[in-house]
């Protein structure tokens, strides 16, 4: 039982990381119907920026967090202005391909600027771990869980009660009607990309503190993608919950079947779910009149 509980607890911790990245996917898709395949690379770039700031400030966490927030907002604005806005009115597939090109570009820039060797985050192992059901949890992992819960509550309240959140939901329902009602769709797209970048940045910072800073960080975006499909591409909280399911499923598959099955467990789950609910567990059905 202790082995099972250890796998579940560690899977839930990893699942919170998947959930945060998946929420970033879902926010952008909910507003613009675009899947951002550069989400993992955005996370990686902000993590490298935080690494550089940590090196120059002796690991000062307040300054590192401030740099993460500032670079996330700036990167979200730049992507929306330079990549998304010129593509408005074009087929969605074209914009999706642009996000793939953006992912390749960011990965190349990171390799040129910081190199390809993985590096440890200054002060990343600071603090003593605590025992949870026989599993040692690091302070950064505790912070990861706390940020995950805070993000779920904050985004739910933002989308449900704030003026911007309600406008984003209206735009997701019908962008044309939203334009006719006087809403600035480009502004709402920008807010969505900023929120997505902030979630990616915080995840990247915590990943760097728990593990390392390296070019393999971008794979977190691919590993989190089954979570957003499982929960529903247009359901932000569903994507967050899907991250927990995928994290636990990967750990159980790796622990009881074999480490080689860990990477494919999430994709196996979404294949099964999509045969029953193609729109995901919490996604909304698209009904079109023909």
Protein backbone atom coordinates (compact mmCIF):
# COMPACT_ATOMS: atom_id res chain seq x y z
CA UNK A 1 0.00 0.00 0.00
CA UNK A 2 2.89 2.38 0.76
CA UNK A 3 4.24 1.87 -2.75
CA UNK A 4 0.82 2.62 -4.25
CA UNK A 5 0.34 5.72 -2.12
CA UNK A 6 3.83 6.91 -3.04
CA UNK A 7 3.04 6.57 -6.74
CA UNK A 8 -0.29 8.37 -6.33
CA UNK A 9 1.14 11.27 -4.30
CA UNK A 10 4.09 11.84 -6.63
CA UNK A 11 1.72 11.47 -9.60
CA UNK A 12 -0.57 14.15 -8.19
CA UNK A 13 2.39 16.51 -7.75
CA UNK A 14 3.50 15.97 -11.34
CA UNK A 15 -0.14 16.24 -12.39
CA UNK A 16 -0.37 19.75 -10.94
CA UNK A 17 2.44 20.77 -13.29
CA UNK A 18 0.60 19.21 -16.23
CA UNK A 19 -2.58 20.90 -15.06
CA UNK A 20 -1.04 24.38 -15.03
CA UNK A 21 0.33 23.96 -18.56
CA UNK A 22 -2.97 22.44 -19.73
CA UNK A 23 -4.87 25.43 -18.34
CA UNK A 24 -2.71 27.65 -20.54
CA UNK A 25 -3.68 25.54 -23.56
CA UNK A 26 -7.36 25.75 -22.64
CA UNK A 27 -7.45 29.53 -22.02
CA UNK A 28 -6.12 30.26 -25.50
CA UNK A 29 -8.35 27.69 -27.17
CA UNK A 30 -11.43 28.88 -25.27
CA UNK A 31 -11.05 32.40 -26.65
CA UNK A 32 -9.54 31.89 -30.10
CA UNK A 33 -10.05 28.18 -30.93
CA UNK A 34 -6.29 27.90 -31.47
CA UNK A 35 -4.09 25.15 -30.01
CA UNK A 36 -0.79 26.73 -28.96
CA UNK A 37 1.85 24.09 -29.59
CA UNK A 38 4.54 26.50 -28.35
CA UNK A 39 3.28 26.37 -24.77
CA UNK A 40 6.12 24.12 -23.61
CA UNK A 41 8.74 26.32 -25.29
CA UNK A 42 7.24 29.46 -23.73
CA UNK A 43 7.58 27.75 -20.35
CA UNK A 44 11.18 26.83 -21.16
CA UNK A 45 12.18 30.33 -22.28
CA UNK A 46 10.80 31.96 -19.13
CA UNK A 47 12.55 29.32 -17.01
CA UNK A 48 15.87 30.18 -18.67
CA UNK A 49 15.26 33.88 -18.07
CA UNK A 50 14.58 33.17 -14.39
CA UNK A 51 17.77 31.09 -14.30
CA UNK A 52 19.81 34.03 -15.61
CA UNK A 53 18.22 36.40 -13.09
CA UNK A 54 18.89 33.91 -10.26
CA UNK A 55 22.56 33.72 -11.24
CA UNK A 56 22.92 37.51 -11.10
CA UNK A 57 20.96 38.00 -7.86
CA UNK A 58 22.39 35.08 -5.83
CA UNK A 59 19.11 33.22 -6.08
CA UNK A 60 16.91 36.03 -4.69
CA UNK A 61 13.47 34.47 -5.01
CA UNK A 62 11.44 37.74 -4.95
CA UNK A 63 13.50 39.12 -7.84
CA UNK A 64 13.29 35.82 -9.71
CA UNK A 65 9.50 35.69 -9.35
CA UNK A 66 9.25 39.33 -10.43
CA UNK A 67 11.33 38.54 -13.52
CA UNK A 68 9.07 35.58 -14.30
CA UNK A 69 5.93 37.69 -14.10
CA UNK A 70 7.42 40.54 -16.14
CA UNK A 71 8.87 38.28 -18.85
CA UNK A 72 5.61 36.30 -19.02
CA UNK A 73 3.52 39.42 -19.60
CA UNK A 74 6.00 40.78 -22.14
CA UNK A 75 6.25 37.48 -24.01
CA UNK A 76 2.46 37.07 -24.08
CA UNK A 77 2.07 40.58 -25.53
CA UNK A 78 4.79 40.02 -28.13
CA UNK A 79 3.35 36.70 -29.30
CA UNK A 80 -0.14 38.14 -29.60
CA UNK A 81 1.09 41.25 -31.42
CA UNK A 82 3.64 39.68 -33.75
CA UNK A 83 2.24 36.18 -34.35
CA UNK A 84 -1.48 36.10 -33.59
CA UNK A 85 -2.79 39.50 -34.69
CA UNK A 86 -1.37 39.38 -38.25
CA UNK A 87 -3.06 36.00 -38.66
CA UNK A 88 -6.54 37.13 -37.62
CA UNK A 89 -9.06 36.21 -40.28
CA UNK A 90 -6.86 33.43 -41.63
CA UNK A 91 -7.74 29.72 -41.34
CA UNK A 92 -7.19 28.34 -37.84
CA UNK A 93 -4.85 25.70 -39.25
CA UNK A 94 -2.50 28.46 -40.45
CA UNK A 95 -2.29 29.94 -36.96
CA UNK A 96 -1.67 26.50 -35.44
CA UNK A 97 1.22 26.01 -37.86
CA UNK A 98 2.55 29.41 -36.78
CA UNK A 99 2.63 28.22 -33.15
CA UNK A 100 4.61 25.16 -34.24
CA UNK A 101 7.07 27.42 -36.07
CA UNK A 102 7.24 29.62 -32.97
CA UNK A 103 8.09 26.57 -30.85
CA UNK A 104 10.98 25.66 -33.18
CA UNK A 105 12.20 29.27 -33.19
CA UNK A 106 12.15 29.59 -29.38
CA UNK A 107 13.97 26.29 -28.94
CA UNK A 108 16.67 27.38 -31.41
CA UNK A 109 17.09 30.79 -29.74
CA UNK A 110 17.40 29.17 -26.31
CA UNK A 111 20.06 26.77 -27.60
CA UNK A 112 22.04 29.64 -29.14
CA UNK A 113 21.87 31.90 -26.08
CA UNK A 114 22.17 29.46 -23.19
CA UNK A 115 23.59 26.33 -24.81
CA UNK A 116 22.25 22.80 -24.80
CA UNK A 117 23.61 21.46 -21.51
CA UNK A 118 21.17 21.13 -18.57
CA UNK A 119 21.91 23.34 -15.55
CA UNK A 120 20.85 23.45 -11.93
CA UNK A 121 18.83 26.39 -10.67
CA UNK A 122 20.71 28.40 -7.99
CA UNK A 123 19.08 27.57 -4.66
CA UNK A 124 16.81 25.01 -6.31
CA UNK A 125 17.37 22.37 -3.62
CA UNK A 126 17.03 24.71 -0.67
CA UNK A 127 14.80 23.67 2.21
CA UNK A 128 13.98 20.37 3.85
CA UNK A 129 11.41 17.97 2.41
CA UNK A 130 8.33 16.73 4.24
CA UNK A 131 6.83 13.25 4.29
CA UNK A 132 3.39 12.74 2.75
CA UNK A 133 2.13 9.13 2.87
CA UNK A 134 5.67 7.83 2.63
CA UNK A 135 6.72 10.23 -0.15
CA UNK A 136 9.25 13.02 0.36
CA UNK A 137 7.87 16.29 -1.01
CA UNK A 138 10.25 19.18 -1.68
CA UNK A 139 9.35 22.79 -0.81
CA UNK A 140 9.19 23.65 -4.53
CA UNK A 141 6.69 20.82 -5.04
CA UNK A 142 4.58 22.16 -2.18
CA UNK A 143 4.70 25.58 -3.82
CA UNK A 144 3.68 23.93 -7.12
CA UNK A 145 0.58 22.43 -5.52
CA UNK A 146 -0.26 25.76 -3.86
CA UNK A 147 0.07 27.68 -7.12
CA UNK A 148 -2.03 25.06 -8.90
CA UNK A 149 -4.87 25.40 -6.40
CA UNK A 150 -4.61 29.19 -6.42
CA UNK A 151 -4.63 29.27 -10.23
CA UNK A 152 -7.71 27.05 -10.39
CA UNK A 153 -9.60 29.25 -7.94
CA UNK A 154 -8.35 32.51 -9.45
CA UNK A 155 -9.12 31.65 -13.07
CA UNK A 156 -12.55 30.27 -12.16
CA UNK A 157 -13.39 33.52 -10.37
CA UNK A 158 -11.88 35.60 -13.19
CA UNK A 159 -13.90 33.90 -15.92
CA UNK A 160 -17.11 33.88 -13.89
CA UNK A 161 -17.19 37.29 -12.22
CA UNK A 162 -14.77 39.75 -13.85
CA UNK A 163 -15.80 41.93 -16.79
CA UNK A 164 -12.84 40.71 -18.86
CA UNK A 165 -13.59 37.10 -18.01
CA UNK A 166 -17.23 37.40 -19.03
CA UNK A 167 -16.17 39.13 -22.24
CA UNK A 168 -13.73 36.29 -22.96
CA UNK A 169 -16.53 33.75 -22.48
CA UNK A 170 -18.76 35.76 -24.80
CA UNK A 171 -16.02 35.89 -27.44
CA UNK A 172 -15.54 32.15 -27.13
CA UNK A 173 -19.25 31.63 -27.79
CA UNK A 174 -19.45 33.82 -30.89
CA UNK A 175 -16.59 36.18 -31.90
CA UNK A 176 -18.72 37.90 -34.57
CA UNK A 177 -21.48 38.81 -32.13
CA UNK A 178 -18.84 39.94 -29.62
CA UNK A 179 -17.40 42.32 -32.25
CA UNK A 180 -20.87 43.66 -33.06
CA UNK A 181 -21.43 44.30 -29.33
CA UNK A 182 -18.31 46.48 -29.25
CA UNK A 183 -15.89 44.07 -27.61
CA UNK A 184 -12.23 44.32 -28.61
CA UNK A 185 -11.45 40.76 -29.66
CA UNK A 186 -7.76 41.52 -30.18
CA UNK A 187 -7.54 42.83 -26.60
CA UNK A 188 -9.20 39.69 -25.28
CA UNK A 189 -6.81 37.53 -27.29
CA UNK A 190 -3.93 39.48 -25.74
CA UNK A 191 -5.27 38.87 -22.22
CA UNK A 192 -5.60 35.16 -22.97
CA UNK A 193 -2.02 34.90 -24.21
CA UNK A 194 -0.72 36.82 -21.20
CA UNK A 195 -2.58 34.55 -18.76
CA UNK A 196 -1.32 31.48 -20.62
CA UNK A 197 2.27 32.78 -20.54
CA UNK A 198 2.04 33.52 -16.80
CA UNK A 199 0.88 29.96 -16.09
CA UNK A 200 3.67 28.61 -18.30
CA UNK A 201 6.24 30.87 -16.62
CA UNK A 202 5.34 29.88 -13.08
CA UNK A 203 5.39 26.22 -14.09
CA UNK A 204 8.79 26.68 -15.71
CA UNK A 205 10.21 28.34 -12.60
CA UNK A 206 9.01 25.53 -10.35
CA UNK A 207 10.15 22.84 -12.79
CA UNK A 208 13.61 24.45 -12.80
CA UNK A 209 13.71 24.43 -8.99
CA UNK A 210 12.54 20.82 -8.73
CA UNK A 211 14.55 19.33 -11.59
CA UNK A 212 16.82 21.45 -13.80
CA UNK A 213 16.89 23.95 -16.64
CA UNK A 214 17.33 22.23 -20.00
CA UNK A 215 16.03 21.91 -23.53
CA UNK A 216 13.98 18.87 -22.51
CA UNK A 217 11.63 21.16 -20.56
CA UNK A 218 9.66 21.78 -23.74
CA UNK A 219 8.45 18.19 -23.63
CA UNK A 220 6.26 19.11 -20.66
CA UNK A 221 3.95 20.83 -23.13
CA UNK A 222 3.58 17.61 -25.13
CA UNK A 223 3.08 15.56 -21.96
CA UNK A 224 0.44 18.01 -20.73
CA UNK A 225 -1.47 18.00 -24.00
CA UNK A 226 -3.38 14.76 -23.17
CA UNK A 227 -4.61 16.51 -20.02
CA UNK A 228 -6.32 19.29 -21.95
CA UNK A 229 -7.82 16.80 -24.40
CA UNK A 230 -9.05 14.65 -21.52
CA UNK A 231 -10.63 17.54 -19.62
CA UNK A 232 -11.88 19.34 -22.71
CA UNK A 233 -10.09 21.90 -24.88
CA UNK A 234 -12.62 24.59 -23.99
CA UNK A 235 -12.78 23.76 -20.26
CA UNK A 236 -10.04 25.45 -18.25
CA UNK A 237 -10.82 23.70 -14.97
CA UNK A 238 -11.42 20.43 -16.81
CA UNK A 239 -7.90 20.70 -18.24
CA UNK A 240 -6.55 21.31 -14.72
CA UNK A 241 -8.29 18.18 -13.44
CA UNK A 242 -7.13 16.25 -16.48
CA UNK A 243 -3.55 17.06 -15.49
CA UNK A 244 -4.00 15.25 -12.17
CA UNK A 245 -5.47 12.20 -13.90
CA UNK A 246 -2.65 12.04 -16.44
CA UNK A 247 0.03 12.52 -13.77
CA UNK A 248 -1.29 9.67 -11.63
CA UNK A 249 -1.86 7.42 -14.65
CA UNK A 250 1.71 7.93 -15.85
CA UNK A 251 3.15 7.12 -12.45
CA UNK A 252 1.02 4.01 -12.01
CA UNK A 253 1.89 2.78 -15.50
CA UNK A 254 5.59 3.39 -14.89
CA UNK A 255 5.50 1.79 -11.47
CA UNK A 256 3.45 -1.34 -12.19
CA UNK A 257 3.91 -2.00 -15.92
CA UNK A 258 7.28 -0.54 -16.84
CA UNK A 259 9.04 2.79 -17.26
CA UNK A 260 8.65 2.55 -21.04
CA UNK A 261 4.85 2.75 -20.69
CA UNK A 262 4.93 5.93 -18.61
CA UNK A 263 5.18 8.26 -21.61
CA UNK A 264 2.30 6.68 -23.52
CA UNK A 265 -0.14 6.21 -20.62
CA UNK A 266 -1.68 9.66 -21.08
CA UNK A 267 -2.20 9.22 -24.81
CA UNK A 268 -3.73 5.79 -24.24
CA UNK A 269 -6.24 7.34 -21.84
CA UNK A 270 -7.31 10.09 -24.23
CA UNK A 271 -7.77 7.54 -27.02
CA UNK A 272 -10.20 5.65 -24.81
CA UNK A 273 -12.00 8.79 -23.66
CA UNK A 274 -12.33 10.28 -27.14
CA UNK A 275 -14.10 7.16 -28.38
CA UNK A 276 -16.82 7.85 -25.80
CA UNK A 277 -16.67 11.65 -25.40
CA UNK A 278 -14.86 13.28 -28.34
CA UNK A 279 -15.20 16.72 -26.72
CA UNK A 280 -13.52 15.59 -23.47
CA UNK A 281 -14.91 14.93 -20.01
CA UNK A 282 -15.91 18.55 -19.35
CA UNK A 283 -15.84 20.09 -22.82
CA UNK A 284 -18.93 21.42 -24.55
CA UNK A 285 -20.37 19.83 -27.65
CA UNK A 286 -20.16 21.86 -30.82
CA UNK A 287 -23.59 21.83 -32.45
CA UNK A 288 -23.87 23.19 -35.97
CA UNK A 289 -27.01 23.66 -38.05
CA UNK A 290 -26.64 22.51 -41.64
